[in-house]
Amino acid sequence: MKAKTHRGAAKRFKITSTGKIMRWRSGKRHLLGTKKPRRMRNLLNKVEVSPADAPNVRLALPYGIK
């Protein structure tokens, strides 16, 4: 049977050309006026998914580059 991509995971994670799984940081939706500009700049950047979570994300994205 054909493997299906989990559409929710596809919108939340990106796999780089070297195989790293990147995610966006949380905390940018509301109460933005109380957050410092430096903190907001750091929240804009993507970070790598933790090694413990990576296998589950790879299962959800079967056609990502491995």
C-alpha atoms as a PDB file:
ATOM      1  CA  MET A   1       0.000   0.000   0.000  1.00  0.00           C
ATOM      2  CA  LYS A   2       1.192   3.496  -0.768  1.00  0.00           C
ATOM      3  CA  ALA A   3       2.515   5.463   2.225  1.00  0.00           C
ATOM      4  CA  LYS A   4       0.659   8.680   2.939  1.00  0.00           C
ATOM      5  CA  THR A   5       2.162  11.914   4.162  1.00  0.00           C
ATOM      6  CA  HIS A   6       0.669  13.236   7.400  1.00  0.00           C
ATOM      7  CA  ARG A   7      -0.599  16.612   6.211  1.00  0.00           C
ATOM      8  CA  GLY A   8      -0.366  18.238   9.648  1.00  0.00           C
ATOM      9  CA  ALA A   9       3.286  17.220   9.933  1.00  0.00           C
ATOM     10  CA  ALA A  10       3.987  18.419   6.389  1.00  0.00           C
ATOM     11  CA  LYS A  11       2.844  21.903   7.385  1.00  0.00           C
ATOM     12  CA  ARG A  12       4.926  21.956  10.583  1.00  0.00           C
ATOM     13  CA  PHE A  13       8.240  20.399   9.579  1.00  0.00           C
ATOM     14  CA  LYS A  14      10.683  20.795   6.709  1.00  0.00           C
ATOM     15  CA  ILE A  15      13.464  18.380   5.801  1.00  0.00           C
ATOM     16  CA  THR A  16      16.655  20.010   4.578  1.00  0.00           C
ATOM     17  CA  SER A  17      18.790  18.727   1.728  1.00  0.00           C
ATOM     18  CA  THR A  18      21.218  17.268   4.263  1.00  0.00           C
ATOM     19  CA  GLY A  19      18.414  15.393   6.026  1.00  0.00           C
ATOM     20  CA  LYS A  20      17.911  17.544   9.115  1.00  0.00           C
ATOM     21  CA  ILE A  21      14.319  18.071  10.260  1.00  0.00           C
ATOM     22  CA  MET A  22      13.579  21.711  11.029  1.00  0.00           C
ATOM     23  CA  ARG A  23      10.699  23.186  13.007  1.00  0.00           C
ATOM     24  CA  TRP A  24       9.549  26.674  13.901  1.00  0.00           C
ATOM     25  CA  ARG A  25       9.566  27.906  17.483  1.00  0.00           C
ATOM     26  CA  SER A  26       6.368  28.395  19.429  1.00  0.00           C
ATOM     27  CA  GLY A  27       5.305  31.584  21.161  1.00  0.00           C
ATOM     28  CA  LYS A  28       4.624  33.977  18.267  1.00  0.00           C
ATOM     29  CA  ARG A  29       0.816  34.009  18.233  1.00  0.00           C
ATOM     30  CA  HIS A  30      -0.334  36.395  20.951  1.00  0.00           C
ATOM     31  CA  LEU A  31       0.895  38.626  23.814  1.00  0.00           C
ATOM     32  CA  LEU A  32       3.609  39.901  21.492  1.00  0.00           C
ATOM     33  CA  GLY A  33       3.863  43.334  23.090  1.00  0.00           C
ATOM     34  CA  THR A  34       5.404  41.941  26.270  1.00  0.00           C
ATOM     35  CA  LYS A  35       8.171  40.061  24.468  1.00  0.00           C
ATOM     36  CA  LYS A  36      11.527  41.693  23.909  1.00  0.00           C
ATOM     37  CA  PRO A  37      12.722  42.318  20.339  1.00  0.00           C
ATOM     38  CA  ARG A  38      15.714  40.011  20.770  1.00  0.00           C
ATOM     39  CA  ARG A  39      13.428  37.226  21.950  1.00  0.00           C
ATOM     40  CA  MET A  40      11.131  37.798  18.964  1.00  0.00           C
ATOM     41  CA  ARG A  41      14.086  37.620  16.560  1.00  0.00           C
ATOM     42  CA  ASN A  42      15.105  34.294  18.072  1.00  0.00           C
ATOM     43  CA  LEU A  43      11.543  32.975  17.785  1.00  0.00           C
ATOM     44  CA  LEU A  44      11.549  33.727  14.055  1.00  0.00           C
ATOM     45  CA  ASN A  45      14.383  31.283  13.377  1.00  0.00           C
ATOM     46  CA  LYS A  46      13.912  27.604  12.692  1.00  0.00           C
ATOM     47  CA  VAL A  47      15.585  25.004  14.906  1.00  0.00           C
ATOM     48  CA  GLU A  48      16.348  21.338  14.456  1.00  0.00           C
ATOM     49  CA  VAL A  49      13.919  18.786  15.893  1.00  0.00           C
ATOM     50  CA  SER A  50      15.248  16.935  18.928  1.00  0.00           C
ATOM     51  CA  PRO A  51      16.770  13.503  18.210  1.00  0.00           C
ATOM     52  CA  ALA A  52      14.085  11.823  20.345  1.00  0.00           C
ATOM     53  CA  ASP A  53      11.288  13.229  18.153  1.00  0.00           C
ATOM     54  CA  ALA A  54      12.981  12.818  14.775  1.00  0.00           C
ATOM     55  CA  PRO A  55      11.977   9.160  14.139  1.00  0.00           C
ATOM     56  CA  ASN A  56       8.283   9.949  14.599  1.00  0.00           C
ATOM     57  CA  VAL A  57       8.482  12.920  12.243  1.00  0.00           C
ATOM     58  CA  ARG A  58      10.241  10.777   9.633  1.00  0.00           C
ATOM     59  CA  LEU A  59       7.400   8.239   9.818  1.00  0.00           C
ATOM     60  CA  ALA A  60       4.893  11.040   9.247  1.00  0.00           C
ATOM     61  CA  LEU A  61       6.878  12.337   6.241  1.00  0.00           C
ATOM     62  CA  PRO A  62       7.736   9.195   4.274  1.00  0.00           C
ATOM     63  CA  TYR A  63       8.765  11.037   1.097  1.00  0.00           C
ATOM     64  CA  GLY A  64      11.119  13.493   2.753  1.00  0.00           C
ATOM     65  CA  ILE A  65      14.810  13.231   1.976  1.00  0.00           C
ATOM     66  CA  LYS A  66      16.422  10.786   4.386  1.00  0.00           C
END
